[in-house]
Full PDB file with SEQRES, HELIX, SHEET, SSBOND, CRYST1, ORIGX, SCALE, CONECT and MASTER records, all heavy atoms in Angstrom:
SEQRES   1 A   31  VAL PHE VAL SER PHE VAL VAL ALA LYS ASN GLY GLU ILE          
SEQRES   2 A   31  ASN ASP ALA LYS ILE ALA ARG GLY VAL HIS PRO ALA LEU          
SEQRES   3 A   31  ASN LYS GLU ALA LEU                                          
HELIX    1 AA1 PRO A   24  ALA A   30  1                                   7    
SHEET    1 AA1 2 PHE A   2  VAL A   7  0                                        
SHEET    2 AA1 2 ILE A  13  ARG A  20 -1                                        
CRYST1    1.000    1.000    1.000  90.00  90.00  90.00 P 1           1          
ORIGX1      1.000000  0.000000  0.000000        0.00000                         
ORIGX2      0.000000  1.000000  0.000000        0.00000                         
ORIGX3      0.000000  0.000000  1.000000        0.00000                         
SCALE1      1.000000  0.000000  0.000000        0.00000                         
SCALE2      0.000000  1.000000  0.000000        0.00000                         
SCALE3      0.000000  0.000000  1.000000        0.00000                         
ATOM      1  N   VAL A   1     -12.496  -7.446   4.886  1.00  0.00           N  
ATOM      2  CA  VAL A   1     -11.549  -6.493   5.430  1.00  0.00           C  
ATOM      3  C   VAL A   1     -11.915  -5.151   4.772  1.00  0.00           C  
ATOM      4  O   VAL A   1     -12.050  -5.011   3.570  1.00  0.00           O  
ATOM      5  CB  VAL A   1     -10.044  -6.824   5.007  1.00  0.00           C  
ATOM      6  CG1 VAL A   1      -9.103  -5.801   5.542  1.00  0.00           C  
ATOM      7  CG2 VAL A   1      -9.699  -8.196   5.636  1.00  0.00           C  
ATOM      8  N   PHE A   2     -12.086  -4.134   5.678  1.00  0.00           N  
ATOM      9  CA  PHE A   2     -12.408  -2.787   5.177  1.00  0.00           C  
ATOM     10  C   PHE A   2     -11.158  -1.931   5.140  1.00  0.00           C  
ATOM     11  O   PHE A   2     -10.536  -1.812   6.202  1.00  0.00           O  
ATOM     12  CB  PHE A   2     -13.448  -2.138   6.110  1.00  0.00           C  
ATOM     13  CG  PHE A   2     -14.834  -2.711   5.967  1.00  0.00           C  
ATOM     14  CD1 PHE A   2     -15.167  -3.969   6.596  1.00  0.00           C  
ATOM     15  CD2 PHE A   2     -15.851  -2.052   5.271  1.00  0.00           C  
ATOM     16  CE1 PHE A   2     -16.358  -4.485   6.441  1.00  0.00           C  
ATOM     17  CE2 PHE A   2     -17.068  -2.645   5.162  1.00  0.00           C  
ATOM     18  CZ  PHE A   2     -17.357  -3.788   5.718  1.00  0.00           C  
ATOM     19  N   VAL A   3     -10.797  -1.449   3.995  1.00  0.00           N  
ATOM     20  CA  VAL A   3      -9.595  -0.593   3.864  1.00  0.00           C  
ATOM     21  C   VAL A   3      -9.986   0.897   3.603  1.00  0.00           C  
ATOM     22  O   VAL A   3     -10.742   1.108   2.634  1.00  0.00           O  
ATOM     23  CB  VAL A   3      -8.674  -1.083   2.840  1.00  0.00           C  
ATOM     24  CG1 VAL A   3      -7.449  -0.293   2.707  1.00  0.00           C  
ATOM     25  CG2 VAL A   3      -8.294  -2.524   2.942  1.00  0.00           C  
ATOM     26  N   SER A   4      -9.518   1.782   4.375  1.00  0.00           N  
ATOM     27  CA  SER A   4      -9.771   3.209   4.176  1.00  0.00           C  
ATOM     28  C   SER A   4      -8.497   3.813   3.559  1.00  0.00           C  
ATOM     29  O   SER A   4      -7.386   3.430   3.913  1.00  0.00           O  
ATOM     30  CB  SER A   4     -10.060   3.953   5.496  1.00  0.00           C  
ATOM     31  OG  SER A   4     -11.273   3.529   5.940  1.00  0.00           O  
ATOM     32  N   PHE A   5      -8.719   4.737   2.640  1.00  0.00           N  
ATOM     33  CA  PHE A   5      -7.532   5.448   2.018  1.00  0.00           C  
ATOM     34  C   PHE A   5      -7.953   6.759   1.480  1.00  0.00           C  
ATOM     35  O   PHE A   5      -9.145   7.103   1.473  1.00  0.00           O  
ATOM     36  CB  PHE A   5      -6.929   4.569   0.865  1.00  0.00           C  
ATOM     37  CG  PHE A   5      -7.966   4.153  -0.188  1.00  0.00           C  
ATOM     38  CD1 PHE A   5      -8.153   4.860  -1.304  1.00  0.00           C  
ATOM     39  CD2 PHE A   5      -8.681   2.988   0.032  1.00  0.00           C  
ATOM     40  CE1 PHE A   5      -9.070   4.510  -2.266  1.00  0.00           C  
ATOM     41  CE2 PHE A   5      -9.586   2.530  -0.924  1.00  0.00           C  
ATOM     42  CZ  PHE A   5      -9.833   3.299  -2.070  1.00  0.00           C  
ATOM     43  N   VAL A   6      -7.033   7.584   1.076  1.00  0.00           N  
ATOM     44  CA  VAL A   6      -7.308   8.869   0.534  1.00  0.00           C  
ATOM     45  C   VAL A   6      -6.938   8.839  -0.922  1.00  0.00           C  
ATOM     46  O   VAL A   6      -5.846   8.401  -1.299  1.00  0.00           O  
ATOM     47  CB  VAL A   6      -6.476   9.985   1.200  1.00  0.00           C  
ATOM     48  CG1 VAL A   6      -6.738  11.362   0.536  1.00  0.00           C  
ATOM     49  CG2 VAL A   6      -6.901  10.070   2.651  1.00  0.00           C  
ATOM     50  N   VAL A   7      -7.915   9.200  -1.828  1.00  0.00           N  
ATOM     51  CA  VAL A   7      -7.621   9.443  -3.222  1.00  0.00           C  
ATOM     52  C   VAL A   7      -7.201  10.840  -3.332  1.00  0.00           C  
ATOM     53  O   VAL A   7      -7.976  11.756  -3.100  1.00  0.00           O  
ATOM     54  CB  VAL A   7      -8.878   9.152  -4.086  1.00  0.00           C  
ATOM     55  CG1 VAL A   7      -8.490   9.386  -5.506  1.00  0.00           C  
ATOM     56  CG2 VAL A   7      -9.314   7.665  -3.950  1.00  0.00           C  
ATOM     57  N   ALA A   8      -5.885  11.037  -3.581  1.00  0.00           N  
ATOM     58  CA  ALA A   8      -5.332  12.381  -3.588  1.00  0.00           C  
ATOM     59  C   ALA A   8      -5.756  13.189  -4.784  1.00  0.00           C  
ATOM     60  O   ALA A   8      -6.304  12.611  -5.790  1.00  0.00           O  
ATOM     61  CB  ALA A   8      -3.802  12.299  -3.555  1.00  0.00           C  
ATOM     62  N   LYS A   9      -5.454  14.503  -4.783  1.00  0.00           N  
ATOM     63  CA  LYS A   9      -5.821  15.374  -5.868  1.00  0.00           C  
ATOM     64  C   LYS A   9      -5.257  14.871  -7.202  1.00  0.00           C  
ATOM     65  O   LYS A   9      -5.848  15.120  -8.281  1.00  0.00           O  
ATOM     66  CB  LYS A   9      -5.253  16.746  -5.591  1.00  0.00           C  
ATOM     67  CG  LYS A   9      -5.775  17.505  -4.450  1.00  0.00           C  
ATOM     68  CD  LYS A   9      -5.070  18.807  -4.259  1.00  0.00           C  
ATOM     69  CE  LYS A   9      -5.454  19.513  -2.935  1.00  0.00           C  
ATOM     70  NZ  LYS A   9      -4.759  20.730  -2.751  1.00  0.00           N  
ATOM     71  N   ASN A  10      -4.155  14.147  -7.096  1.00  0.00           N  
ATOM     72  CA  ASN A  10      -3.506  13.704  -8.435  1.00  0.00           C  
ATOM     73  C   ASN A  10      -3.956  12.261  -8.692  1.00  0.00           C  
ATOM     74  O   ASN A  10      -3.456  11.708  -9.703  1.00  0.00           O  
ATOM     75  CB  ASN A  10      -1.961  13.736  -8.276  1.00  0.00           C  
ATOM     76  CG  ASN A  10      -1.420  12.830  -7.172  1.00  0.00           C  
ATOM     77  OD1 ASN A  10      -2.188  12.120  -6.517  1.00  0.00           O  
ATOM     78  ND2 ASN A  10      -0.187  12.858  -6.940  1.00  0.00           N  
ATOM     79  N   GLY A  11      -4.876  11.697  -7.978  1.00  0.00           N  
ATOM     80  CA  GLY A  11      -5.448  10.410  -8.245  1.00  0.00           C  
ATOM     81  C   GLY A  11      -4.686   9.266  -7.672  1.00  0.00           C  
ATOM     82  O   GLY A  11      -5.113   8.060  -7.761  1.00  0.00           O  
ATOM     83  N   GLU A  12      -3.640   9.515  -6.879  1.00  0.00           N  
ATOM     84  CA  GLU A  12      -2.863   8.443  -6.218  1.00  0.00           C  
ATOM     85  C   GLU A  12      -3.558   8.044  -4.953  1.00  0.00           C  
ATOM     86  O   GLU A  12      -4.254   8.837  -4.330  1.00  0.00           O  
ATOM     87  CB  GLU A  12      -1.470   8.917  -5.935  1.00  0.00           C  
ATOM     88  CG  GLU A  12      -0.611   9.108  -7.172  1.00  0.00           C  
ATOM     89  CD  GLU A  12       0.885   9.557  -6.860  1.00  0.00           C  
ATOM     90  OE1 GLU A  12       1.141   9.727  -5.655  1.00  0.00           O  
ATOM     91  OE2 GLU A  12       1.564   9.739  -7.819  1.00  0.00           O  
ATOM     92  N   ILE A  13      -3.269   6.812  -4.568  1.00  0.00           N  
ATOM     93  CA  ILE A  13      -3.839   6.331  -3.285  1.00  0.00           C  
ATOM     94  C   ILE A  13      -2.788   6.643  -2.199  1.00  0.00           C  
ATOM     95  O   ILE A  13      -1.616   6.271  -2.263  1.00  0.00           O  
ATOM     96  CB  ILE A  13      -3.959   4.747  -3.336  1.00  0.00           C  
ATOM     97  CG1 ILE A  13      -4.866   4.321  -4.503  1.00  0.00           C  
ATOM     98  CG2 ILE A  13      -4.410   4.156  -2.012  1.00  0.00           C  
ATOM     99  CD1 ILE A  13      -6.303   4.629  -4.330  1.00  0.00           C  
ATOM    100  N   ASN A  14      -3.312   7.230  -1.123  1.00  0.00           N  
ATOM    101  CA  ASN A  14      -2.441   7.600   0.022  1.00  0.00           C  
ATOM    102  C   ASN A  14      -3.025   7.107   1.359  1.00  0.00           C  
ATOM    103  O   ASN A  14      -4.238   7.002   1.387  1.00  0.00           O  
ATOM    104  CB  ASN A  14      -2.262   9.175   0.086  1.00  0.00           C  
ATOM    105  CG  ASN A  14      -1.421   9.694  -0.984  1.00  0.00           C  
ATOM    106  OD1 ASN A  14      -0.545   9.025  -1.521  1.00  0.00           O  
ATOM    107  ND2 ASN A  14      -1.660  10.929  -1.394  1.00  0.00           N  
ATOM    108  N   ASP A  15      -2.198   6.955   2.326  1.00  0.00           N  
ATOM    109  CA  ASP A  15      -2.634   6.749   3.698  1.00  0.00           C  
ATOM    110  C   ASP A  15      -3.650   5.487   3.833  1.00  0.00           C  
ATOM    111  O   ASP A  15      -4.542   5.590   4.668  1.00  0.00           O  
ATOM    112  CB  ASP A  15      -3.298   7.975   4.320  1.00  0.00           C  
ATOM    113  CG  ASP A  15      -2.302   9.129   4.359  1.00  0.00           C  
ATOM    114  OD1 ASP A  15      -1.137   8.920   4.409  1.00  0.00           O  
ATOM    115  OD2 ASP A  15      -2.798  10.299   4.241  1.00  0.00           O  
ATOM    116  N   ALA A  16      -3.416   4.457   3.114  1.00  0.00           N  
ATOM    117  CA  ALA A  16      -4.260   3.283   3.237  1.00  0.00           C  
ATOM    118  C   ALA A  16      -4.094   2.654   4.603  1.00  0.00           C  
ATOM    119  O   ALA A  16      -2.942   2.556   5.083  1.00  0.00           O  
ATOM    120  CB  ALA A  16      -3.897   2.272   2.196  1.00  0.00           C  
ATOM    121  N   LYS A  17      -5.175   2.385   5.267  1.00  0.00           N  
ATOM    122  CA  LYS A  17      -5.136   1.687   6.515  1.00  0.00           C  
ATOM    123  C   LYS A  17      -6.352   0.787   6.730  1.00  0.00           C  
ATOM    124  O   LYS A  17      -7.412   0.974   6.081  1.00  0.00           O  
ATOM    125  CB  LYS A  17      -5.038   2.678   7.667  1.00  0.00           C  
ATOM    126  CG  LYS A  17      -6.088   3.777   7.688  1.00  0.00           C  
ATOM    127  CD  LYS A  17      -5.759   4.778   8.767  1.00  0.00           C  
ATOM    128  CE  LYS A  17      -6.711   6.011   8.742  1.00  0.00           C  
ATOM    129  NZ  LYS A  17      -6.335   6.997   7.749  1.00  0.00           N  
ATOM    130  N   ILE A  18      -6.275  -0.120   7.683  1.00  0.00           N  
ATOM    131  CA  ILE A  18      -7.334  -1.034   7.986  1.00  0.00           C  
ATOM    132  C   ILE A  18      -8.396  -0.284   8.791  1.00  0.00           C  
ATOM    133  O   ILE A  18      -8.076   0.075   9.918  1.00  0.00           O  
ATOM    134  CB  ILE A  18      -6.873  -2.328   8.663  1.00  0.00           C  
ATOM    135  CG1 ILE A  18      -5.859  -3.057   7.794  1.00  0.00           C  
ATOM    136  CG2 ILE A  18      -8.064  -3.184   9.050  1.00  0.00           C  
ATOM    137  CD1 ILE A  18      -6.308  -3.529   6.494  1.00  0.00           C  
ATOM    138  N   ALA A  19      -9.618  -0.219   8.280  1.00  0.00           N  
ATOM    139  CA  ALA A  19     -10.691   0.404   9.065  1.00  0.00           C  
ATOM    140  C   ALA A  19     -11.344  -0.694   9.901  1.00  0.00           C  
ATOM    141  O   ALA A  19     -11.752  -0.472  11.049  1.00  0.00           O  
ATOM    142  CB  ALA A  19     -11.779   0.972   8.103  1.00  0.00           C  
ATOM    143  N   ARG A  20     -11.537  -1.941   9.296  1.00  0.00           N  
ATOM    144  CA  ARG A  20     -12.005  -3.073  10.128  1.00  0.00           C  
ATOM    145  C   ARG A  20     -11.284  -4.320   9.572  1.00  0.00           C  
ATOM    146  O   ARG A  20     -11.454  -4.640   8.424  1.00  0.00           O  
ATOM    147  CB  ARG A  20     -13.496  -3.186  10.039  1.00  0.00           C  
ATOM    148  CG  ARG A  20     -14.022  -4.217  11.050  1.00  0.00           C  
ATOM    149  CD  ARG A  20     -15.534  -4.206  11.114  1.00  0.00           C  
ATOM    150  NE  ARG A  20     -16.008  -5.146  10.174  1.00  0.00           N  
ATOM    151  CZ  ARG A  20     -17.157  -5.048   9.509  1.00  0.00           C  
ATOM    152  NH1 ARG A  20     -17.961  -4.011   9.664  1.00  0.00           N  
ATOM    153  NH2 ARG A  20     -17.539  -6.016   8.659  1.00  0.00           N  
ATOM    154  N   GLY A  21     -10.517  -4.977  10.391  1.00  0.00           N  
ATOM    155  CA  GLY A  21      -9.721  -6.101   9.920  1.00  0.00           C  
ATOM    156  C   GLY A  21     -10.345  -7.470  10.314  1.00  0.00           C  
ATOM    157  O   GLY A  21     -11.347  -7.539  11.033  1.00  0.00           O  
ATOM    158  N   VAL A  22      -9.729  -8.558   9.799  1.00  0.00           N  
ATOM    159  CA  VAL A  22     -10.189  -9.904  10.088  1.00  0.00           C  
ATOM    160  C   VAL A  22      -9.071 -10.633  10.760  1.00  0.00           C  
ATOM    161  O   VAL A  22      -9.202 -11.248  11.821  1.00  0.00           O  
ATOM    162  CB  VAL A  22     -10.563 -10.611   8.798  1.00  0.00           C  
ATOM    163  CG1 VAL A  22     -10.852 -12.056   9.035  1.00  0.00           C  
ATOM    164  CG2 VAL A  22     -11.849  -9.890   8.232  1.00  0.00           C  
ATOM    165  N   HIS A  23      -7.852 -10.673  10.112  1.00  0.00           N  
ATOM    166  CA  HIS A  23      -6.692 -11.477  10.601  1.00  0.00           C  
ATOM    167  C   HIS A  23      -5.477 -10.721   9.969  1.00  0.00           C  
ATOM    168  O   HIS A  23      -5.574 -10.201   8.850  1.00  0.00           O  
ATOM    169  CB  HIS A  23      -6.830 -12.849  10.020  1.00  0.00           C  
ATOM    170  CG  HIS A  23      -5.642 -13.769  10.393  1.00  0.00           C  
ATOM    171  ND1 HIS A  23      -4.478 -13.764   9.607  1.00  0.00           N  
ATOM    172  CD2 HIS A  23      -5.433 -14.615  11.406  1.00  0.00           C  
ATOM    173  CE1 HIS A  23      -3.613 -14.626  10.158  1.00  0.00           C  
ATOM    174  NE2 HIS A  23      -4.230 -15.146  11.244  1.00  0.00           N  
ATOM    175  N   PRO A  24      -4.402 -10.717  10.726  1.00  0.00           N  
ATOM    176  CA  PRO A  24      -3.168 -10.001  10.200  1.00  0.00           C  
ATOM    177  C   PRO A  24      -2.809 -10.336   8.765  1.00  0.00           C  
ATOM    178  O   PRO A  24      -2.480  -9.402   7.959  1.00  0.00           O  
ATOM    179  CB  PRO A  24      -2.107 -10.290  11.207  1.00  0.00           C  
ATOM    180  CG  PRO A  24      -2.805 -10.568  12.488  1.00  0.00           C  
ATOM    181  CD  PRO A  24      -4.122 -11.285  12.111  1.00  0.00           C  
ATOM    182  N   ALA A  25      -2.873 -11.608   8.377  1.00  0.00           N  
ATOM    183  CA  ALA A  25      -2.448 -11.997   7.026  1.00  0.00           C  
ATOM    184  C   ALA A  25      -3.456 -11.423   6.045  1.00  0.00           C  
ATOM    185  O   ALA A  25      -3.014 -10.951   4.970  1.00  0.00           O  
ATOM    186  CB  ALA A  25      -2.467 -13.533   6.950  1.00  0.00           C  
ATOM    187  N   LEU A  26      -4.737 -11.415   6.301  1.00  0.00           N  
ATOM    188  CA  LEU A  26      -5.714 -10.881   5.352  1.00  0.00           C  
ATOM    189  C   LEU A  26      -5.596  -9.389   5.278  1.00  0.00           C  
ATOM    190  O   LEU A  26      -5.705  -8.794   4.209  1.00  0.00           O  
ATOM    191  CB  LEU A  26      -7.149 -11.339   5.707  1.00  0.00           C  
ATOM    192  CG  LEU A  26      -7.413 -12.836   5.657  1.00  0.00           C  
ATOM    193  CD1 LEU A  26      -8.911 -13.080   5.897  1.00  0.00           C  
ATOM    194  CD2 LEU A  26      -7.014 -13.416   4.331  1.00  0.00           C  
ATOM    195  N   ASN A  27      -5.382  -8.751   6.447  1.00  0.00           N  
ATOM    196  CA  ASN A  27      -5.290  -7.298   6.527  1.00  0.00           C  
ATOM    197  C   ASN A  27      -4.107  -6.874   5.719  1.00  0.00           C  
ATOM    198  O   ASN A  27      -4.216  -5.902   4.956  1.00  0.00           O  
ATOM    199  CB  ASN A  27      -5.111  -6.865   8.003  1.00  0.00           C  
ATOM    200  CG  ASN A  27      -6.280  -7.191   8.859  1.00  0.00           C  
ATOM    201  OD1 ASN A  27      -7.372  -7.663   8.394  1.00  0.00           O  
ATOM    202  ND2 ASN A  27      -6.133  -6.993  10.123  1.00  0.00           N  
ATOM    203  N   LYS A  28      -2.978  -7.524   5.860  1.00  0.00           N  
ATOM    204  CA  LYS A  28      -1.742  -7.154   5.101  1.00  0.00           C  
ATOM    205  C   LYS A  28      -1.982  -7.337   3.558  1.00  0.00           C  
ATOM    206  O   LYS A  28      -1.631  -6.400   2.843  1.00  0.00           O  
ATOM    207  CB  LYS A  28      -0.614  -8.037   5.544  1.00  0.00           C  
ATOM    208  CG  LYS A  28       0.713  -7.736   4.874  1.00  0.00           C  
ATOM    209  CD  LYS A  28       1.830  -8.670   5.457  1.00  0.00           C  
ATOM    210  CE  LYS A  28       3.101  -8.353   4.711  1.00  0.00           C  
ATOM    211  NZ  LYS A  28       4.175  -9.311   5.095  1.00  0.00           N  
ATOM    212  N   GLU A  29      -2.641  -8.384   3.183  1.00  0.00           N  
ATOM    213  CA  GLU A  29      -2.909  -8.597   1.788  1.00  0.00           C  
ATOM    214  C   GLU A  29      -3.884  -7.532   1.210  1.00  0.00           C  
ATOM    215  O   GLU A  29      -3.683  -6.996   0.097  1.00  0.00           O  
ATOM    216  CB  GLU A  29      -3.465 -10.021   1.532  1.00  0.00           C  
ATOM    217  CG  GLU A  29      -3.820 -10.284   0.088  1.00  0.00           C  
ATOM    218  CD  GLU A  29      -2.716 -10.197  -0.928  1.00  0.00           C  
ATOM    219  OE1 GLU A  29      -1.520 -10.033  -0.585  1.00  0.00           O  
ATOM    220  OE2 GLU A  29      -2.981 -10.287  -2.123  1.00  0.00           O  
ATOM    221  N   ALA A  30      -4.949  -7.148   2.036  1.00  0.00           N  
ATOM    222  CA  ALA A  30      -5.834  -6.139   1.601  1.00  0.00           C  
ATOM    223  C   ALA A  30      -5.153  -4.759   1.384  1.00  0.00           C  
ATOM    224  O   ALA A  30      -5.353  -4.143   0.404  1.00  0.00           O  
ATOM    225  CB  ALA A  30      -6.981  -5.983   2.660  1.00  0.00           C  
ATOM    226  N   LEU A  31      -4.214  -4.493   2.290  1.00  0.00           N  
ATOM    227  CA  LEU A  31      -3.483  -3.207   2.159  1.00  0.00           C  
ATOM    228  C   LEU A  31      -2.536  -3.225   0.915  1.00  0.00           C  
ATOM    229  O   LEU A  31      -2.409  -2.301   0.185  1.00  0.00           O  
ATOM    230  CB  LEU A  31      -2.641  -2.941   3.354  1.00  0.00           C  
ATOM    231  CG  LEU A  31      -3.295  -2.360   4.620  1.00  0.00           C  
ATOM    232  CD1 LEU A  31      -2.371  -2.348   5.764  1.00  0.00           C  
ATOM    233  CD2 LEU A  31      -3.915  -1.010   4.285  1.00  0.00           C  
TER     234      LEU A  31                                                      
MASTER        0    0    0    1    2    0    0    6  233    1    0    3          
END                                                                             
């Protein structure tokens, strides 16, 4: 599962989303 996200200026993870998924259960766990 490929997860895309933004590392913000303050170092926090924002806007995580599935770039390429496998199965809803795995996608949800990856997020």
